[in-house]
């Protein structure tokens, strides 16, 4: 038996808010086809993520990973800042 962790979900999104100490709000936008009509739709979700070093700023593109519950809202943590805001 191997002691390996299960694979965690990883998402890429844009930081929309820095809400308090060590917390960022990441908006994930996804384009998917409507099941019946075939038109492309844009759906978005907001995730509260843990940012230990407070490195991400508003407008940055970041990669977040699913983790244990950190607080009431935070179930994700920041892996890396992919691209800084211009």
Protein backbone atom coordinates (compact mmCIF):
# COMPACT_ATOMS: atom_id res chain seq x y z
CA UNK A 1 0.00 0.00 0.00
CA UNK A 2 1.37 3.41 -0.96
CA UNK A 3 0.82 6.51 1.14
CA UNK A 4 -0.02 8.98 -1.61
CA UNK A 5 -2.45 11.85 -1.32
CA UNK A 6 -5.47 12.10 -3.58
CA UNK A 7 -5.18 14.55 -6.44
CA UNK A 8 -6.43 18.02 -5.56
CA UNK A 9 -8.46 20.26 -7.87
CA UNK A 10 -6.41 23.07 -9.40
CA UNK A 11 -8.03 26.17 -10.93
CA UNK A 12 -6.69 29.31 -12.62
CA UNK A 13 -8.42 32.65 -12.16
CA UNK A 14 -8.13 36.38 -11.57
CA UNK A 15 -7.88 38.00 -8.13
CA UNK A 16 -10.89 40.31 -7.73
CA UNK A 17 -10.42 41.30 -4.09
CA UNK A 18 -7.91 41.13 -1.26
CA UNK A 19 -10.30 40.67 1.64
CA UNK A 20 -8.48 40.83 4.93
CA UNK A 21 -5.21 39.33 6.07
CA UNK A 22 -3.98 36.36 4.02
CA UNK A 23 -7.24 36.02 2.07
CA UNK A 24 -7.90 36.64 -1.62
CA UNK A 25 -11.05 36.27 -3.67
CA UNK A 26 -10.43 34.56 -7.03
CA UNK A 27 -12.95 34.64 -9.88
CA UNK A 28 -12.91 31.58 -12.12
CA UNK A 29 -14.50 32.17 -15.53
CA UNK A 30 -15.52 29.21 -17.63
CA UNK A 31 -16.92 29.17 -21.15
CA UNK A 32 -19.18 26.24 -21.91
CA UNK A 33 -21.72 25.33 -24.53
CA UNK A 34 -25.43 25.44 -23.69
CA UNK A 35 -26.72 21.85 -23.58
CA UNK A 36 -29.79 22.48 -25.75
CA UNK A 37 -29.12 25.55 -27.90
CA UNK A 38 -25.36 25.23 -28.42
CA UNK A 39 -24.60 28.89 -27.72
CA UNK A 40 -21.39 29.56 -25.78
CA UNK A 41 -22.09 30.85 -22.27
CA UNK A 42 -19.77 32.40 -19.71
CA UNK A 43 -20.19 31.28 -16.13
CA UNK A 44 -18.11 32.49 -13.20
CA UNK A 45 -17.49 31.39 -9.63
CA UNK A 46 -15.82 33.19 -6.74
CA UNK A 47 -13.43 31.24 -4.53
CA UNK A 48 -11.93 32.45 -1.26
CA UNK A 49 -8.29 31.36 -1.13
CA UNK A 50 -5.55 31.40 1.50
CA UNK A 51 -2.52 33.55 0.58
CA UNK A 52 0.13 32.91 3.25
CA UNK A 53 2.73 35.50 2.14
CA UNK A 54 0.17 38.10 0.90
CA UNK A 55 1.85 38.08 -2.53
CA UNK A 56 -1.18 38.35 -4.83
CA UNK A 57 -2.77 41.67 -5.73
CA UNK A 58 -6.00 42.66 -7.45
CA UNK A 59 -5.90 41.81 -11.17
CA UNK A 60 -3.23 39.12 -10.89
CA UNK A 61 -3.79 35.79 -12.61
CA UNK A 62 -3.24 33.05 -10.04
CA UNK A 63 -3.38 29.28 -9.66
CA UNK A 64 -5.23 27.89 -6.63
CA UNK A 65 -5.47 24.38 -5.22
CA UNK A 66 -8.19 22.71 -3.17
CA UNK A 67 -7.24 22.17 0.46
CA UNK A 68 -8.67 21.46 3.89
CA UNK A 69 -11.10 24.04 5.29
CA UNK A 70 -9.07 27.02 6.56
CA UNK A 71 -12.10 29.01 7.76
CA UNK A 72 -15.83 29.32 7.12
CA UNK A 73 -15.32 30.35 3.48
CA UNK A 74 -11.74 29.34 2.59
CA UNK A 75 -11.32 25.90 1.00
CA UNK A 76 -8.57 26.85 -1.48
CA UNK A 77 -4.96 27.97 -1.20
CA UNK A 78 -2.69 29.94 -3.50
CA UNK A 79 -0.06 27.92 -5.36
CA UNK A 80 1.52 30.56 -7.56
CA UNK A 81 1.01 33.93 -9.23
CA UNK A 82 0.95 33.13 -12.95
CA UNK A 83 0.89 36.72 -14.21
CA UNK A 84 1.05 40.08 -12.47
CA UNK A 85 -1.52 42.81 -13.19
CA UNK A 86 -0.32 45.47 -15.59
